[in-house]
PDB file of N, CA and C in Angstrom:
ATOM      1  N   MET A   1      28.325  14.933 -14.267  1.00  0.00           N
ATOM      2  CA  MET A   1      27.137  15.393 -13.124  1.00  0.00           C
ATOM      3  C   MET A   1      26.451  16.405 -14.139  1.00  0.00           C
ATOM      4  N   PHE A   2      25.070  16.284 -14.235  1.00  0.00           N
ATOM      5  CA  PHE A   2      24.338  17.506 -14.802  1.00  0.00           C
ATOM      6  C   PHE A   2      23.982  18.505 -13.775  1.00  0.00           C
ATOM      7  N   MET A   3      23.943  19.574 -14.240  1.00  0.00           N
ATOM      8  CA  MET A   3      23.706  20.873 -13.429  1.00  0.00           C
ATOM      9  C   MET A   3      22.615  21.331 -14.177  1.00  0.00           C
ATOM     10  N   PRO A   4      21.484  21.364 -13.914  1.00  0.00           N
ATOM     11  CA  PRO A   4      20.502  22.064 -14.679  1.00  0.00           C
ATOM     12  C   PRO A   4      20.355  23.501 -14.180  1.00  0.00           C
ATOM     13  N   THR A   5      20.014  24.252 -15.388  1.00  0.00           N
ATOM     14  CA  THR A   5      20.201  25.732 -15.333  1.00  0.00           C
ATOM     15  C   THR A   5      18.960  26.219 -15.136  1.00  0.00           C
ATOM     16  N   THR A   6      17.560  25.478 -15.316  1.00  0.00           N
ATOM     17  CA  THR A   6      16.410  25.866 -15.282  1.00  0.00           C
ATOM     18  C   THR A   6      15.464  25.157 -14.544  1.00  0.00           C
ATOM     19  N   GLU A   7      14.404  25.605 -13.783  1.00  0.00           N
ATOM     20  CA  GLU A   7      13.492  24.701 -13.026  1.00  0.00           C
ATOM     21  C   GLU A   7      12.903  23.571 -13.880  1.00  0.00           C
ATOM     22  N   GLN A   8      12.732  23.832 -15.151  1.00  0.00           N
ATOM     23  CA  GLN A   8      12.246  22.714 -16.118  1.00  0.00           C
ATOM     24  C   GLN A   8      13.362  21.470 -16.454  1.00  0.00           C
ATOM     25  N   GLU A   9      14.485  22.151 -16.416  1.00  0.00           N
ATOM     26  CA  GLU A   9      15.473  20.700 -16.799  1.00  0.00           C
ATOM     27  C   GLU A   9      15.638  20.265 -15.557  1.00  0.00           C
ATOM     28  N   LYS A  10      15.705  20.742 -14.626  1.00  0.00           N
ATOM     29  CA  LYS A  10      15.649  20.137 -12.911  1.00  0.00           C
ATOM     30  C   LYS A  10      14.736  19.211 -13.050  1.00  0.00           C
ATOM     31  N   ALA A  11      13.553  19.824 -13.383  1.00  0.00           N
ATOM     32  CA  ALA A  11      12.217  18.463 -13.201  1.00  0.00           C
ATOM     33  C   ALA A  11      12.265  17.608 -14.107  1.00  0.00           C
ATOM     34  N   GLU A  12      12.542  17.901 -15.191  1.00  0.00           N
ATOM     35  CA  GLU A  12      13.121  16.671 -16.181  1.00  0.00           C
ATOM     36  C   GLU A  12      14.321  15.841 -15.759  1.00  0.00           C
ATOM     37  N   ALA A  13      15.164  16.170 -15.064  1.00  0.00           N
ATOM     38  CA  ALA A  13      16.313  15.421 -15.022  1.00  0.00           C
ATOM     39  C   ALA A  13      15.958  14.672 -13.494  1.00  0.00           C
ATOM     40  N   ILE A  14      14.963  15.308 -12.712  1.00  0.00           N
ATOM     41  CA  ILE A  14      14.340  14.228 -11.484  1.00  0.00           C
ATOM     42  C   ILE A  14      13.663  13.111 -12.095  1.00  0.00           C
ATOM     43  N   GLU A  15      12.625  13.455 -13.151  1.00  0.00           N
ATOM     44  CA  GLU A  15      11.782  12.492 -13.649  1.00  0.00           C
ATOM     45  C   GLU A  15      12.723  11.248 -14.275  1.00  0.00           C
ATOM     46  N   LEU A  16      13.938  11.610 -14.914  1.00  0.00           N
ATOM     47  CA  LEU A  16      14.867  10.689 -15.498  1.00  0.00           C
ATOM     48  C   LEU A  16      15.615   9.889 -14.651  1.00  0.00           C
ATOM     49  N   ALA A  17      15.830  10.381 -13.167  1.00  0.00           N
ATOM     50  CA  ALA A  17      16.439   9.955 -12.210  1.00  0.00           C
ATOM     51  C   ALA A  17      15.478   8.933 -11.379  1.00  0.00           C
ATOM     52  N   PHE A  18      14.174   9.182 -11.452  1.00  0.00           N
ATOM     53  CA  PHE A  18      13.022   8.686 -10.800  1.00  0.00           C
ATOM     54  C   PHE A  18      12.980   7.328 -11.827  1.00  0.00           C
ATOM     55  N   ASP A  19      12.847   7.268 -13.067  1.00  0.00           N
ATOM     56  CA  ASP A  19      12.715   6.229 -13.823  1.00  0.00           C
ATOM     57  C   ASP A  19      13.867   5.416 -13.936  1.00  0.00           C
ATOM     58  N   TYR A  20      15.035   5.772 -13.361  1.00  0.00           N
ATOM     59  CA  TYR A  20      16.343   5.072 -13.661  1.00  0.00           C
ATOM     60  C   TYR A  20      16.238   4.043 -12.561  1.00  0.00           C
ATOM     61  N   ARG A  21      16.521   2.941 -12.595  1.00  0.00           N
ATOM     62  CA  ARG A  21      16.580   1.862 -11.437  1.00  0.00           C
ATOM     63  C   ARG A  21      17.834   1.575 -10.734  1.00  0.00           C
ATOM     64  N   GLY A  22      18.914   2.599 -10.803  1.00  0.00           N
ATOM     65  CA  GLY A  22      20.041   2.377 -10.091  1.00  0.00           C
ATOM     66  C   GLY A  22      20.207   3.851  -9.332  1.00  0.00           C
ATOM     67  N   ASP A  23      21.601   3.600  -8.663  1.00  0.00           N
ATOM     68  CA  ASP A  23      21.498   4.854  -7.824  1.00  0.00           C
ATOM     69  C   ASP A  23      22.023   5.926  -8.541  1.00  0.00           C
ATOM     70  N   VAL A  24      21.607   7.402  -7.761  1.00  0.00           N
ATOM     71  CA  VAL A  24      21.839   8.478  -8.534  1.00  0.00           C
ATOM     72  C   VAL A  24      22.762   9.281  -7.526  1.00  0.00           C
ATOM     73  N   THR A  25      23.901  10.218  -7.702  1.00  0.00           N
ATOM     74  CA  THR A  25      24.410  10.965  -6.953  1.00  0.00           C
ATOM     75  C   THR A  25      23.984  12.487  -7.051  1.00  0.00           C
ATOM     76  N   LEU A  26      23.402  12.920  -5.764  1.00  0.00           N
ATOM     77  CA  LEU A  26      23.009  14.475  -6.012  1.00  0.00           C
ATOM     78  C   LEU A  26      23.806  15.376  -5.159  1.00  0.00           C
ATOM     79  N   GLY A  27      24.020  16.528  -5.784  1.00  0.00           N
ATOM     80  CA  GLY A  27      24.730  17.668  -5.110  1.00  0.00           C
ATOM     81  C   GLY A  27      23.700  18.351  -4.716  1.00  0.00           C
ATOM     82  N   LEU A  28      23.856  18.950  -3.401  1.00  0.00           N
ATOM     83  CA  LEU A  28      22.727  19.632  -2.774  1.00  0.00           C
ATOM     84  C   LEU A  28      23.445  20.872  -2.655  1.00  0.00           C
ATOM     85  N   ALA A  29      22.432  22.037  -2.652  1.00  0.00           N
ATOM     86  CA  ALA A  29      23.102  23.451  -2.449  1.00  0.00           C
ATOM     87  C   ALA A  29      23.754  23.538  -0.966  1.00  0.00           C
ATOM     88  N   SER A  30      23.683  22.736  -0.040  1.00  0.00           N
ATOM     89  CA  SER A  30      24.507  22.682   1.249  1.00  0.00           C
ATOM     90  C   SER A  30      25.973  22.630   0.914  1.00  0.00           C
ATOM     91  N   GLY A  31      26.236  21.917  -0.226  1.00  0.00           N
ATOM     92  CA  GLY A  31      27.668  21.154  -0.566  1.00  0.00           C
ATOM     93  C   GLY A  31      27.705  19.885  -0.167  1.00  0.00           C
ATOM     94  N   GLU A  32      26.439  19.242   0.230  1.00  0.00           N
ATOM     95  CA  GLU A  32      26.808  17.795   0.497  1.00  0.00           C
ATOM     96  C   GLU A  32      26.421  16.942  -0.866  1.00  0.00           C
ATOM     97  N   ARG A  33      26.966  15.997  -0.946  1.00  0.00           N
ATOM     98  CA  ARG A  33      26.791  14.875  -2.058  1.00  0.00           C
ATOM     99  C   ARG A  33      26.320  13.828  -1.383  1.00  0.00           C
ATOM    100  N   ILE A  34      25.154  13.227  -1.567  1.00  0.00           N
ATOM    101  CA  ILE A  34      24.452  12.160  -1.307  1.00  0.00           C
ATOM    102  C   ILE A  34      24.352  11.204  -2.668  1.00  0.00           C
ATOM    103  N   VAL A  35      24.741   9.732  -2.349  1.00  0.00           N
ATOM    104  CA  VAL A  35      24.442   8.843  -3.226  1.00  0.00           C
ATOM    105  C   VAL A  35      23.346   7.769  -2.751  1.00  0.00           C
ATOM    106  N   GLY A  36      22.424   7.210  -3.714  1.00  0.00           N
ATOM    107  CA  GLY A  36      21.262   6.693  -3.532  1.00  0.00           C
ATOM    108  C   GLY A  36      20.359   6.302  -4.339  1.00  0.00           C
ATOM    109  N   PHE A  37      18.780   6.056  -3.877  1.00  0.00           N
ATOM    110  CA  PHE A  37      17.894   5.567  -5.018  1.00  0.00           C
ATOM    111  C   PHE A  37      16.749   6.478  -4.614  1.00  0.00           C
ATOM    112  N   LEU A  38      16.474   6.989  -5.854  1.00  0.00           N
ATOM    113  CA  LEU A  38      15.352   8.140  -5.715  1.00  0.00           C
ATOM    114  C   LEU A  38      13.935   7.341  -5.902  1.00  0.00           C
ATOM    115  N   PHE A  39      13.056   6.983  -4.976  1.00  0.00           N
ATOM    116  CA  PHE A  39      11.902   6.200  -5.255  1.00  0.00           C
ATOM    117  C   PHE A  39      10.513   6.820  -5.100  1.00  0.00           C
ATOM    118  N   ASN A  40      10.503   8.201  -4.794  1.00  0.00           N
ATOM    119  CA  ASN A  40       9.335   8.835  -5.244  1.00  0.00           C
ATOM    120  C   ASN A  40       9.541  10.272  -5.331  1.00  0.00           C
ATOM    121  N   ARG A  41       8.653  11.020  -5.753  1.00  0.00           N
ATOM    122  CA  ARG A  41       8.690  12.462  -5.876  1.00  0.00           C
ATOM    123  C   ARG A  41       7.560  12.948  -5.988  1.00  0.00           C
ATOM    124  N   HIS A  42       7.416  14.142  -5.430  1.00  0.00           N
ATOM    125  CA  HIS A  42       6.120  14.991  -5.539  1.00  0.00           C
ATOM    126  C   HIS A  42       6.368  16.202  -6.471  1.00  0.00           C
ATOM    127  N   ALA A  43       6.098  16.150  -7.595  1.00  0.00           N
ATOM    128  CA  ALA A  43       6.337  17.057  -8.659  1.00  0.00           C
ATOM    129  C   ALA A  43       5.497  18.346  -8.905  1.00  0.00           C
ATOM    130  N   SER A  44       4.332  18.304  -8.012  1.00  0.00           N
ATOM    131  CA  SER A  44       3.333  19.151  -8.156  1.00  0.00           C
ATOM    132  C   SER A  44       2.882  19.773  -6.677  1.00  0.00           C
ATOM    133  N   GLY A  45       2.445  21.055  -6.863  1.00  0.00           N
ATOM    134  CA  GLY A  45       1.813  21.569  -5.226  1.00  0.00           C
ATOM    135  C   GLY A  45       3.098  22.610  -4.941  1.00  0.00           C
ATOM    136  N   GLU A  46       2.719  23.146  -3.604  1.00  0.00           N
ATOM    137  CA  GLU A  46       3.397  24.063  -3.326  1.00  0.00           C
ATOM    138  C   GLU A  46       5.178  23.471  -2.930  1.00  0.00           C
ATOM    139  N   HIS A  47       5.051  22.379  -2.362  1.00  0.00           N
ATOM    140  CA  HIS A  47       6.535  21.957  -1.829  1.00  0.00           C
ATOM    141  C   HIS A  47       7.045  20.669  -2.788  1.00  0.00           C
ATOM    142  N   LEU A  48       8.038  20.944  -3.899  1.00  0.00           N
ATOM    143  CA  LEU A  48       8.169  20.165  -4.466  1.00  0.00           C
ATOM    144  C   LEU A  48       9.350  19.677  -3.884  1.00  0.00           C
ATOM    145  N   SER A  49       9.138  17.830  -3.845  1.00  0.00           N
ATOM    146  CA  SER A  49      10.426  17.303  -3.131  1.00  0.00           C
ATOM    147  C   SER A  49      10.470  15.909  -3.848  1.00  0.00           C
ATOM    148  N   ILE A  50      11.770  15.249  -3.609  1.00  0.00           N
ATOM    149  CA  ILE A  50      11.958  13.855  -3.780  1.00  0.00           C
ATOM    150  C   ILE A  50      12.079  13.152  -2.501  1.00  0.00           C
ATOM    151  N   GLU A  51      11.870  12.065  -2.719  1.00  0.00           N
ATOM    152  CA  GLU A  51      12.079  10.809  -1.429  1.00  0.00           C
ATOM    153  C   GLU A  51      12.960   9.852  -2.085  1.00  0.00           C
ATOM    154  N   PHE A  52      14.230   9.729  -1.113  1.00  0.00           N
ATOM    155  CA  PHE A  52      15.415   9.235  -1.430  1.00  0.00           C
ATOM    156  C   PHE A  52      16.039   8.198  -0.433  1.00  0.00           C
ATOM    157  N   PHE A  53      16.374   6.973  -0.617  1.00  0.00           N
ATOM    158  CA  PHE A  53      17.283   6.393   0.272  1.00  0.00           C
ATOM    159  C   PHE A  53      18.416   6.477  -0.080  1.00  0.00           C
ATOM    160  N   PRO A  54      19.387   7.166   0.973  1.00  0.00           N
ATOM    161  CA  PRO A  54      20.765   6.986   0.804  1.00  0.00           C
ATOM    162  C   PRO A  54      21.405   5.907   1.206  1.00  0.00           C
ATOM    163  N   GLU A  55      22.292   5.594   0.180  1.00  0.00           N
ATOM    164  CA  GLU A  55      23.240   4.419   0.531  1.00  0.00           C
ATOM    165  C   GLU A  55      23.703   4.068   1.925  1.00  0.00           C
ATOM    166  N   ASP A  56      24.094   5.206   2.467  1.00  0.00           N
ATOM    167  CA  ASP A  56      24.501   4.765   4.095  1.00  0.00           C
ATOM    168  C   ASP A  56      23.442   4.979   5.154  1.00  0.00           C
ATOM    169  N   ASN A  57      22.495   4.964   4.664  1.00  0.00           N
ATOM    170  CA  ASN A  57      21.395   5.414   5.921  1.00  0.00           C
ATOM    171  C   ASN A  57      19.952   4.314   5.256  1.00  0.00           C
ATOM    172  N   PRO A  58      19.386   3.734   6.141  1.00  0.00           N
ATOM    173  CA  PRO A  58      18.338   2.679   5.908  1.00  0.00           C
ATOM    174  C   PRO A  58      16.815   3.698   5.862  1.00  0.00           C
ATOM    175  N   PHE A  59      16.952   4.946   6.269  1.00  0.00           N
ATOM    176  CA  PHE A  59      15.744   5.637   6.489  1.00  0.00           C
ATOM    177  C   PHE A  59      15.825   6.487   5.352  1.00  0.00           C
ATOM    178  N   PRO A  60      14.574   6.630   4.727  1.00  0.00           N
ATOM    179  CA  PRO A  60      14.296   7.435   3.545  1.00  0.00           C
ATOM    180  C   PRO A  60      14.486   8.966   4.187  1.00  0.00           C
ATOM    181  N   ARG A  61      14.920   9.852   3.246  1.00  0.00           N
ATOM    182  CA  ARG A  61      15.325  11.279   3.313  1.00  0.00           C
ATOM    183  C   ARG A  61      14.324  11.964   2.366  1.00  0.00           C
ATOM    184  N   THR A  62      13.559  13.007   2.793  1.00  0.00           N
ATOM    185  CA  THR A  62      12.788  13.935   1.756  1.00  0.00           C
ATOM    186  C   THR A  62      13.786  15.111   1.640  1.00  0.00           C
ATOM    187  N   ILE A  63      13.875  15.373   0.095  1.00  0.00           N
ATOM    188  CA  ILE A  63      14.711  16.496  -0.211  1.00  0.00           C
ATOM    189  C   ILE A  63      14.088  17.398  -0.832  1.00  0.00           C
ATOM    190  N   PRO A  64      13.844  18.772  -0.468  1.00  0.00           N
ATOM    191  CA  PRO A  64      13.221  20.000  -1.747  1.00  0.00           C
ATOM    192  C   PRO A  64      13.891  19.950  -3.110  1.00  0.00           C
ATOM    193  N   TYR A  65      13.180  20.012  -4.314  1.00  0.00           N
ATOM    194  CA  TYR A  65      13.778  20.188  -5.373  1.00  0.00           C
ATOM    195  C   TYR A  65      14.985  21.342  -5.241  1.00  0.00           C
ATOM    196  N   ALA A  66      14.446  22.634  -4.612  1.00  0.00           N
ATOM    197  CA  ALA A  66      15.148  23.574  -4.463  1.00  0.00           C
ATOM    198  C   ALA A  66      16.671  23.402  -3.625  1.00  0.00           C
ATOM    199  N   SER A  67      16.800  22.434  -3.126  1.00  0.00           N
ATOM    200  CA  SER A  67      17.853  22.041  -2.560  1.00  0.00           C
ATOM    201  C   SER A  67      19.032  21.382  -3.657  1.00  0.00           C
ATOM    202  N   ILE A  68      18.314  20.626  -4.784  1.00  0.00           N
ATOM    203  CA  ILE A  68      19.251  19.862  -5.786  1.00  0.00           C
ATOM    204  C   ILE A  68      19.869  20.940  -6.709  1.00  0.00           C
ATOM    205  N   ILE A  69      21.261  20.921  -6.861  1.00  0.00           N
ATOM    206  CA  ILE A  69      21.804  21.415  -7.763  1.00  0.00           C
ATOM    207  C   ILE A  69      22.747  20.826  -8.998  1.00  0.00           C
ATOM    208  N   SER A  70      22.632  19.196  -8.631  1.00  0.00           N
ATOM    209  CA  SER A  70      23.136  18.518  -9.695  1.00  0.00           C
ATOM    210  C   SER A  70      22.791  16.946  -9.517  1.00  0.00           C
ATOM    211  N   ILE A  71      22.596  16.251 -10.548  1.00  0.00           N
ATOM    212  CA  ILE A  71      22.262  14.790 -10.651  1.00  0.00           C
ATOM    213  C   ILE A  71      23.286  14.193 -11.388  1.00  0.00           C
ATOM    214  N   ALA A  72      23.677  12.859 -11.051  1.00  0.00           N
ATOM    215  CA  ALA A  72      24.470  11.985 -12.022  1.00  0.00           C
ATOM    216  C   ALA A  72      24.038  10.574 -11.657  1.00  0.00           C
ATOM    217  N   PHE A  73      24.045   9.835 -12.622  1.00  0.00           N
ATOM    218  CA  PHE A  73      23.531   8.643 -12.809  1.00  0.00           C
ATOM    219  C   PHE A  73      24.734   7.712 -12.727  1.00  0.00           C
ATOM    220  N   THR A  74      25.098   7.334 -11.502  1.00  0.00           N
ATOM    221  CA  THR A  74      26.265   6.778 -11.085  1.00  0.00           C
ATOM    222  C   THR A  74      25.993   5.294 -10.620  1.00  0.00           C
ATOM    223  N   GLY A  75      25.092   4.889 -10.512  1.00  0.00           N
ATOM    224  CA  GLY A  75      24.794   3.206 -10.224  1.00  0.00           C
ATOM    225  C   GLY A  75      24.370   2.535 -11.576  1.00  0.00           C
ATOM    226  N   GLU A  76      24.496   1.327 -11.556  1.00  0.00           N
ATOM    227  CA  GLU A  76      24.121   0.646 -12.692  1.00  0.00           C
ATOM    228  C   GLU A  76      22.336   0.423 -12.544  1.00  0.00           C
ATOM    229  N   ASP A  77      21.895   0.583 -13.803  1.00  0.00           N
ATOM    230  CA  ASP A  77      20.353   0.562 -13.724  1.00  0.00           C
ATOM    231  C   ASP A  77      20.320  -1.370 -13.791  1.00  0.00           C
ATOM    232  N   THR A  78      19.671  -1.548 -12.438  1.00  0.00           N
ATOM    233  CA  THR A  78      19.348  -3.031 -12.233  1.00  0.00           C
ATOM    234  C   THR A  78      18.413  -3.611 -12.914  1.00  0.00           C
ATOM    235  N   ALA A  79      17.642  -2.636 -13.921  1.00  0.00           N
ATOM    236  CA  ALA A  79      16.470  -3.397 -14.704  1.00  0.00           C
ATOM    237  C   ALA A  79      16.906  -3.180 -16.328  1.00  0.00           C
ATOM    238  N   ASN A  80      18.007  -2.866 -16.564  1.00  0.00           N
ATOM    239  CA  ASN A  80      18.613  -2.471 -17.942  1.00  0.00           C
ATOM    240  C   ASN A  80      18.339  -3.985 -18.543  1.00  0.00           C
ATOM    241  N   GLY A  81      17.838  -3.996 -19.629  1.00  0.00           N
ATOM    242  CA  GLY A  81      17.680  -5.237 -20.526  1.00  0.00           C
ATOM    243  C   GLY A  81      16.997  -6.308 -19.820  1.00  0.00           C
ATOM    244  N   LYS A  82      16.232  -6.068 -18.873  1.00  0.00           N
ATOM    245  CA  LYS A  82      15.264  -6.933 -18.360  1.00  0.00           C
ATOM    246  C   LYS A  82      13.758  -6.606 -18.635  1.00  0.00           C
ATOM    247  N   SER A  83      13.407  -6.726 -19.978  1.00  0.00           N
ATOM    248  CA  SER A  83      11.975  -6.621 -20.400  1.00  0.00           C
ATOM    249  C   SER A  83      11.233  -7.693 -19.896  1.00  0.00           C
ATOM    250  N   TRP A  84      10.024  -7.588 -20.179  1.00  0.00           N
ATOM    251  CA  TRP A  84       8.907  -8.737 -19.675  1.00  0.00           C
ATOM    252  C   TRP A  84       9.371  -9.644 -20.478  1.00  0.00           C
ATOM    253  N   GLU A  85       9.521  -9.657 -21.969  1.00  0.00           N
ATOM    254  CA  GLU A  85      10.118 -10.753 -22.768  1.00  0.00           C
ATOM    255  C   GLU A  85      11.242 -11.752 -22.242  1.00  0.00           C
ATOM    256  N   ALA A  86      12.037 -10.970 -21.992  1.00  0.00           N
ATOM    257  CA  ALA A  86      13.300 -11.580 -21.110  1.00  0.00           C
ATOM    258  C   ALA A  86      12.845 -12.476 -19.994  1.00  0.00           C
ATOM    259  N   TRP A  87      12.138 -11.882 -19.316  1.00  0.00           N
ATOM    260  CA  TRP A  87      11.625 -12.427 -18.015  1.00  0.00           C
ATOM    261  C   TRP A  87      10.905 -13.781 -18.378  1.00  0.00           C
ATOM    262  N   ALA A  88       9.907 -13.580 -19.273  1.00  0.00           N
ATOM    263  CA  ALA A  88       8.969 -14.633 -19.637  1.00  0.00           C
ATOM    264  C   ALA A  88       9.729 -15.703 -20.066  1.00  0.00           C
ATOM    265  N   SER A  89      10.856 -15.391 -21.037  1.00  0.00           N
ATOM    266  CA  SER A  89      11.607 -16.269 -21.443  1.00  0.00           C
ATOM    267  C   SER A  89      12.339 -17.274 -20.552  1.00  0.00           C
ATOM    268  N   LYS A  90      12.826 -16.500 -19.607  1.00  0.00           N
ATOM    269  CA  LYS A  90      13.649 -17.348 -18.770  1.00  0.00           C
ATOM    270  C   LYS A  90      12.713 -17.967 -17.608  1.00  0.00           C
ATOM    271  N   LYS A  91      11.719 -17.871 -17.293  1.00  0.00           N
ATOM    272  CA  LYS A  91      10.834 -18.690 -16.590  1.00  0.00           C
ATOM    273  C   LYS A  91      10.157 -19.902 -17.504  1.00  0.00           C
ATOM    274  N   GLU A  92      10.062 -19.624 -18.839  1.00  0.00           N
ATOM    275  CA  GLU A  92       9.880 -20.949 -19.537  1.00  0.00           C
ATOM    276  C   GLU A  92      10.861 -21.777 -19.484  1.00  0.00           C
ATOM    277  N   SER A  93      11.944 -21.300 -19.557  1.00  0.00           N
ATOM    278  CA  SER A  93      13.121 -21.832 -19.662  1.00  0.00           C
ATOM    279  C   SER A  93      13.429 -23.017 -18.335  1.00  0.00           C
ATOM    280  N   GLU A  94      13.113 -22.002 -17.130  1.00  0.00           N
ATOM    281  CA  GLU A  94      13.238 -22.719 -15.725  1.00  0.00           C
ATOM    282  C   GLU A  94      12.198 -23.779 -15.821  1.00  0.00           C
ATOM    283  N   ARG A  95      10.923 -23.466 -16.323  1.00  0.00           N
ATOM    284  CA  ARG A  95       9.978 -24.487 -16.167  1.00  0.00           C
ATOM    285  C   ARG A  95      10.124 -25.858 -16.835  1.00  0.00           C
ATOM    286  N   ARG A  96      10.817 -25.531 -18.118  1.00  0.00           N
ATOM    287  CA  ARG A  96      10.931 -26.763 -18.958  1.00  0.00           C
ATOM    288  C   ARG A  96      12.058 -27.650 -18.294  1.00  0.00           C
ATOM    289  N   ALA A  97      13.089 -27.026 -17.641  1.00  0.00           N
ATOM    290  CA  ALA A  97      14.280 -27.584 -17.140  1.00  0.00           C
ATOM    291  C   ALA A  97      13.697 -28.523 -15.874  1.00  0.00           C
ATOM    292  N   GLU A  98      12.802 -28.038 -15.217  1.00  0.00           N
ATOM    293  CA  GLU A  98      12.246 -28.422 -13.981  1.00  0.00           C
ATOM    294  C   GLU A  98      11.483 -29.762 -14.544  1.00  0.00           C
ATOM    295  N   ALA A  99      10.457 -29.682 -15.662  1.00  0.00           N
ATOM    296  CA  ALA A  99       9.720 -30.797 -16.178  1.00  0.00           C
ATOM    297  C   ALA A  99      10.641 -31.682 -16.471  1.00  0.00           C
ATOM    298  N   ALA A 100      11.663 -31.398 -17.352  1.00  0.00           N
ATOM    299  CA  ALA A 100      12.803 -32.627 -17.499  1.00  0.00           C
ATOM    300  C   ALA A 100      13.378 -33.273 -16.469  1.00  0.00           C
ATOM    301  N   ARG A 101      13.766 -32.587 -15.143  1.00  0.00           N
ATOM    302  CA  ARG A 101      14.337 -33.006 -14.020  1.00  0.00           C
ATOM    303  C   ARG A 101      13.391 -33.875 -13.541  1.00  0.00           C
ATOM    304  N   VAL A 102      12.058 -33.555 -13.419  1.00  0.00           N
ATOM    305  CA  VAL A 102      10.884 -34.402 -12.858  1.00  0.00           C
ATOM    306  C   VAL A 102      10.857 -35.777 -13.617  1.00  0.00           C
ATOM    307  N   GLU A 103      10.933 -35.621 -14.784  1.00  0.00           N
ATOM    308  CA  GLU A 103      10.631 -36.692 -16.010  1.00  0.00           C
ATOM    309  C   GLU A 103      11.769 -37.771 -15.797  1.00  0.00           C
ATOM    310  N   GLU A 104      12.962 -37.150 -15.556  1.00  0.00           N
ATOM    311  CA  GLU A 104      14.093 -38.125 -15.559  1.00  0.00           C
ATOM    312  C   GLU A 104      14.085 -38.950 -13.949  1.00  0.00           C
ATOM    313  N   ASP A 105      13.729 -38.034 -12.764  1.00  0.00           N
ATOM    314  CA  ASP A 105      13.564 -38.777 -11.734  1.00  0.00           C
ATOM    315  C   ASP A 105      12.625 -39.813 -11.890  1.00  0.00           C
ATOM    316  N   ALA A 106      11.369 -39.612 -12.288  1.00  0.00           N
ATOM    317  CA  ALA A 106      10.310 -40.548 -12.540  1.00  0.00           C
ATOM    318  C   ALA A 106      10.881 -41.727 -13.167  1.00  0.00           C
ATOM    319  N   ARG A 107      11.608 -41.535 -14.381  1.00  0.00           N
ATOM    320  CA  ARG A 107      12.104 -42.662 -15.077  1.00  0.00           C
ATOM    321  C   ARG A 107      13.123 -43.529 -14.410  1.00  0.00           C
ATOM    322  N   MET A 108      13.767 -42.976 -13.254  1.00  0.00           N
ATOM    323  CA  MET A 108      14.829 -43.564 -12.517  1.00  0.00           C
ATOM    324  C   MET A 108      14.026 -44.550 -11.442  1.00  0.00           C
ATOM    325  N   ARG A 109      12.884 -44.018 -11.338  1.00  0.00           N
ATOM    326  CA  ARG A 109      12.145 -44.523 -10.366  1.00  0.00           C
ATOM    327  C   ARG A 109      11.235 -46.007 -10.860  1.00  0.00           C
ATOM    328  N   GLY A 110      11.497 -45.834 -12.379  1.00  0.00           N
ATOM    329  CA  GLY A 110      10.657 -47.027 -12.738  1.00  0.00           C
ATOM    330  C   GLY A 110       9.233 -46.476 -12.940  1.00  0.00           C
ATOM    331  N   LEU A 111       8.881 -45.245 -12.891  1.00  0.00           N
ATOM    332  CA  LEU A 111       7.428 -44.874 -12.796  1.00  0.00           C
ATOM    333  C   LEU A 111       7.160 -44.550 -14.409  1.00  0.00           C
ATOM    334  N   LEU A 112       7.886 -44.345 -15.161  1.00  0.00           N
ATOM    335  CA  LEU A 112       7.523 -44.143 -16.596  1.00  0.00           C
ATOM    336  C   LEU A 112       8.303 -44.981 -17.628  1.00  0.00           C
TER     337      LEU A 112
END
């Protein structure tokens, strides 16, 4: 669990948590620990905060930066290794398999 010592470290950790596509665990100043998905942050202005989907609640929660004392990347990053190239390759493979299935079906029906 990372415990930032400066506001700059906290802001950087929140940016990393925002870019992460898995669950994070937040330690709050109140002593509460919550696990969930950080889906938005308000990193400028007077009231710095994050928007967070707790894993045990279907409603998002707004949490002020000032309340966050620690951040841990505890869930699997669901997009890890899923680049555009991997997605495009998978779709091309699926398209070819479907074309082969349709061709085989047409041959069995005597259409080709």
